[in-house]
N, C-alpha and C. Protein backbone atom coordinates (compact mmCIF):
# COMPACT_ATOMS: atom_id res chain seq x y z
N UNK A 1 98.13 96.80 102.90
CA UNK A 1 98.09 97.91 103.31
C UNK A 1 99.23 98.22 104.29
N UNK A 2 99.86 99.32 104.20
CA UNK A 2 100.76 99.81 105.00
C UNK A 2 100.87 101.09 106.26
N UNK A 3 101.09 101.24 107.43
CA UNK A 3 100.95 102.32 108.22
C UNK A 3 102.11 102.95 108.33
N UNK A 4 101.93 104.18 107.70
CA UNK A 4 103.24 105.33 107.88
C UNK A 4 103.48 105.63 109.24
N UNK A 5 104.37 105.92 110.47
CA UNK A 5 104.60 106.49 111.02
C UNK A 5 105.39 107.63 111.12
N UNK A 6 105.08 108.63 111.27
CA UNK A 6 105.67 109.85 110.51
C UNK A 6 106.40 110.84 112.07
N UNK A 7 106.95 110.65 112.48
CA UNK A 7 107.55 111.78 113.61
C UNK A 7 108.37 113.31 112.82
N UNK A 8 107.69 114.22 113.18
CA UNK A 8 107.82 115.94 113.02
C UNK A 8 107.76 116.58 113.63
N UNK A 9 108.28 117.87 113.74
CA UNK A 9 108.03 118.49 114.65
C UNK A 9 107.02 119.30 115.05
N UNK A 10 106.60 119.61 115.97
CA UNK A 10 105.21 120.22 116.37
C UNK A 10 104.52 121.44 115.52
N UNK A 11 105.58 122.42 114.49
CA UNK A 11 105.51 123.46 114.25
C UNK A 11 105.35 123.00 112.53
N UNK A 12 105.45 121.66 112.28
CA UNK A 12 105.10 121.14 111.13
C UNK A 12 103.84 120.36 110.94
N UNK A 13 103.43 120.01 112.11
CA UNK A 13 102.73 119.05 112.27
C UNK A 13 101.15 119.53 111.49
N UNK A 14 100.80 120.68 111.58
CA UNK A 14 99.38 121.08 110.93
C UNK A 14 99.82 121.24 109.08
N UNK A 15 100.66 121.69 108.84
CA UNK A 15 100.94 121.61 107.75
C UNK A 15 100.80 120.42 106.92
N UNK A 16 101.82 119.72 107.56
CA UNK A 16 101.51 118.30 106.98
C UNK A 16 100.20 117.48 107.02
N UNK A 17 99.54 117.31 108.23
CA UNK A 17 98.26 116.62 108.35
C UNK A 17 97.18 117.58 107.11
N UNK A 18 97.43 118.80 107.28
CA UNK A 18 96.62 118.94 105.75
C UNK A 18 96.68 119.06 104.78
N UNK A 19 97.85 118.45 104.38
CA UNK A 19 98.13 118.43 103.14
C UNK A 19 98.27 116.97 102.97
N UNK A 20 97.89 116.34 103.80
CA UNK A 20 97.57 114.13 103.34
C UNK A 20 96.42 114.40 103.58
N UNK A 21 95.54 115.55 104.20
CA UNK A 21 93.93 115.26 104.23
C UNK A 21 93.38 115.81 102.69
N UNK A 22 94.23 117.01 102.32
CA UNK A 22 93.60 117.38 100.83
C UNK A 22 93.81 116.48 100.17
N UNK A 23 94.32 115.38 99.94
CA UNK A 23 94.95 114.30 99.19
C UNK A 23 94.65 113.26 99.55
N UNK A 24 93.00 113.08 100.30
CA UNK A 24 92.42 111.59 100.83
C UNK A 24 93.16 111.10 101.58
N UNK A 25 94.17 111.21 102.27
CA UNK A 25 94.87 110.48 103.40
C UNK A 25 94.25 110.34 104.57
N UNK A 26 94.06 109.53 105.32
CA UNK A 26 93.23 110.00 106.13
C UNK A 26 94.84 109.96 107.69
N UNK A 27 94.48 110.58 108.72
CA UNK A 27 95.77 110.87 109.25
C UNK A 27 95.05 110.95 110.66
N UNK A 28 96.09 110.51 111.83
CA UNK A 28 95.67 110.37 113.06
C UNK A 28 97.03 110.76 113.90
N UNK A 29 96.71 112.03 114.67
CA UNK A 29 97.96 113.23 114.97
C UNK A 29 98.12 112.91 116.47
N UNK A 30 98.98 112.50 116.66
CA UNK A 30 99.63 112.08 118.52
C UNK A 30 100.16 113.17 118.70
N UNK A 31 100.24 113.82 119.98
CA UNK A 31 101.23 114.47 120.50
C UNK A 31 102.27 113.60 121.23
N UNK A 32 103.55 114.25 120.96
CA UNK A 32 104.46 113.25 121.81
C UNK A 32 105.91 114.44 121.77
N UNK A 33 106.40 114.03 122.70
CA UNK A 33 107.67 114.62 122.97
C UNK A 33 108.96 113.75 123.15
N UNK A 34 109.90 114.14 122.57
CA UNK A 34 111.68 113.32 122.36
C UNK A 34 112.49 114.35 121.85
N UNK A 35 113.51 113.68 121.26
CA UNK A 35 114.78 114.21 121.21
C UNK A 35 115.61 115.29 121.33
N UNK A 36 116.22 116.04 120.95
CA UNK A 36 117.59 117.48 121.83
C UNK A 36 116.06 117.58 123.24
N UNK A 37 116.52 118.48 124.04
CA UNK A 37 116.14 118.85 124.75
C UNK A 37 114.19 118.78 124.86
N UNK A 38 113.97 117.91 124.92
CA UNK A 38 112.47 117.55 124.78
C UNK A 38 111.67 118.12 123.67
N UNK A 39 112.26 118.62 122.76
CA UNK A 39 111.25 119.32 122.10
C UNK A 39 110.12 118.47 121.46
N UNK A 40 108.98 119.28 121.34
CA UNK A 40 107.35 119.35 121.18
C UNK A 40 108.08 118.78 119.94
N UNK A 41 106.80 116.85 119.76
CA UNK A 41 107.01 117.03 117.88
C UNK A 41 105.52 116.01 117.90
N UNK A 42 104.95 115.46 117.18
CA UNK A 42 104.21 115.05 116.73
C UNK A 42 104.21 113.94 115.46
N UNK A 43 103.15 112.53 116.59
CA UNK A 43 103.68 111.49 115.93
C UNK A 43 102.26 111.32 114.88
N UNK A 44 102.07 111.59 113.29
CA UNK A 44 101.14 110.97 113.09
C UNK A 44 101.55 109.95 111.97
N UNK A 45 100.60 109.10 112.52
CA UNK A 45 99.59 107.49 112.05
C UNK A 45 99.16 107.39 110.42
N UNK A 46 99.67 106.99 109.66
CA UNK A 46 98.91 106.76 108.00
C UNK A 46 98.78 105.45 107.79
N UNK A 47 97.57 105.40 107.77
CA UNK A 47 97.15 104.19 107.22
C UNK A 47 96.85 104.50 105.57
N UNK A 48 97.66 103.47 104.88
CA UNK A 48 97.59 103.45 103.47
C UNK A 48 97.74 101.94 102.86
N UNK A 49 97.12 101.97 101.21
CA UNK A 49 96.96 100.94 100.71
C UNK A 49 98.81 100.30 100.27
N UNK A 50 99.10 99.39 99.85
CA UNK A 50 100.50 99.55 99.61
C UNK A 50 100.51 100.55 98.45
N UNK A 51 100.03 100.10 97.24
CA UNK A 51 100.28 101.07 96.33
C UNK A 51 100.52 102.48 96.21
N UNK A 52 99.76 103.30 97.91
CA UNK A 52 100.02 104.74 97.75
C UNK A 52 101.22 105.01 98.69
N UNK A 53 101.64 104.36 99.33
CA UNK A 53 102.82 104.71 99.94
C UNK A 53 103.84 105.62 99.55
N UNK A 54 104.19 105.47 98.70
CA UNK A 54 104.90 106.66 97.60
C UNK A 54 104.65 107.79 97.62
N UNK A 55 102.75 108.18 97.38
CA UNK A 55 102.53 108.95 96.84
C UNK A 55 102.02 110.14 98.49
N UNK A 56 101.84 109.11 99.62
CA UNK A 56 102.07 109.48 100.84
C UNK A 56 103.38 110.04 100.81
N UNK A 57 104.19 109.56 101.20
CA UNK A 57 106.00 110.23 101.22
C UNK A 57 105.87 111.44 100.39
N UNK A 58 105.21 111.35 99.37
CA UNK A 58 105.90 112.74 98.46
C UNK A 58 104.76 113.79 99.13
N UNK A 59 103.62 113.42 99.46
CA UNK A 59 102.73 115.08 100.00
C UNK A 59 103.66 115.19 101.47
N UNK A 60 103.89 114.50 101.89
CA UNK A 60 104.73 114.67 103.31
C UNK A 60 106.30 115.75 103.06
N UNK A 61 106.72 114.91 102.17
CA UNK A 61 108.11 115.99 101.57
C UNK A 61 107.36 117.21 101.64
N UNK A 62 106.94 117.24 100.53
CA UNK A 62 106.43 118.18 99.43
C UNK A 62 106.10 119.20 100.57
N UNK A 63 104.54 119.15 101.48
CA UNK A 63 104.70 120.07 102.65
C UNK A 63 105.52 120.27 103.90
N UNK A 64 106.35 119.62 104.02
CA UNK A 64 107.81 119.75 104.71
C UNK A 64 108.21 121.30 103.98
N UNK A 65 108.62 121.52 103.00
CA UNK A 65 109.26 122.41 102.58
C UNK A 65 110.86 122.47 102.03
N UNK A 66 111.55 123.35 101.43
CA UNK A 66 112.94 123.42 101.79
C UNK A 66 113.50 123.06 103.69
N UNK A 67 114.69 122.63 103.83
CA UNK A 67 114.87 122.24 104.74
C UNK A 67 116.62 122.46 104.48
N UNK A 68 117.47 123.23 105.67
CA UNK A 68 119.29 123.40 105.79
C UNK A 68 119.47 122.28 105.25
N UNK A 69 120.88 122.42 104.27
CA UNK A 69 121.45 120.98 104.20
C UNK A 69 122.03 119.82 106.14
N UNK A 70 121.42 119.08 105.53
CA UNK A 70 121.42 118.54 106.88
C UNK A 70 120.58 118.72 107.54
N UNK A 71 119.51 119.20 107.85
CA UNK A 71 118.71 119.47 108.85
C UNK A 71 117.36 118.39 108.41
N UNK A 72 117.06 117.75 109.61
CA UNK A 72 116.10 116.40 108.99
C UNK A 72 114.83 117.35 109.74
N UNK A 73 113.54 117.27 109.18
CA UNK A 73 112.35 117.67 109.42
C UNK A 73 112.01 116.44 109.84
N UNK A 74 111.85 115.34 109.45
CA UNK A 74 110.69 113.98 109.87
C UNK A 74 111.40 112.91 109.71
N UNK A 75 111.21 111.98 110.78
CA UNK A 75 111.34 110.66 110.77
C UNK A 75 109.98 109.64 110.09
N UNK A 76 110.71 108.76 108.98
CA UNK A 76 109.27 108.19 108.60
C UNK A 76 109.48 106.21 108.85
N UNK A 77 108.91 105.74 109.60
CA UNK A 77 108.70 104.35 109.57
C UNK A 77 107.35 103.78 108.62
N UNK A 78 107.93 102.77 107.49
CA UNK A 78 106.75 102.47 107.01
C UNK A 78 106.83 100.77 107.62
N UNK A 79 105.36 100.29 108.18
CA UNK A 79 105.40 98.98 108.33
C UNK A 79 104.32 98.29 108.01
N UNK A 80 104.24 96.95 107.20
CA UNK A 80 102.89 96.27 107.55
C UNK A 80 102.38 96.33 108.18
N UNK A 81 100.67 96.35 107.94
CA UNK A 81 99.60 95.80 108.67
C UNK A 81 99.22 94.80 108.28
N UNK A 82 98.54 93.91 109.28
CA UNK A 82 98.93 92.81 108.91
C UNK A 82 96.56 92.57 109.09
N UNK A 83 96.08 93.47 109.64
CA UNK A 83 94.49 93.97 109.97
C UNK A 83 94.07 95.07 110.40
N UNK A 84 93.07 95.94 109.35
CA UNK A 84 92.74 96.79 109.74
C UNK A 84 91.10 96.90 109.89
N UNK A 85 90.48 97.29 110.68
CA UNK A 85 88.83 97.12 111.22
C UNK A 85 89.10 98.01 111.86
N UNK A 86 87.61 99.11 111.93
CA UNK A 86 86.96 100.21 112.36
C UNK A 86 85.88 99.46 112.81
N UNK A 87 85.64 100.22 114.47
CA UNK A 87 84.17 99.26 114.90
C UNK A 87 83.65 100.52 115.35
């Protein structure tokens, strides 16, 4: 299992979250700040099976749409999850 940590601009968070949940990915959204001028961003936590990492990233990229040359719309980290449990 992997955890995708996606940091997106605040205004991109809703479309990204909706696109991921429409494809049956579970997403937890955390409001945060950072970057230039402490702009509003959202941190999305997406738990996926190892085989679904590329599909989740594809959905994320597609939901962000076209960007200007050199513009970065999201920062992604893919980290292994040793244990996952719901209580």
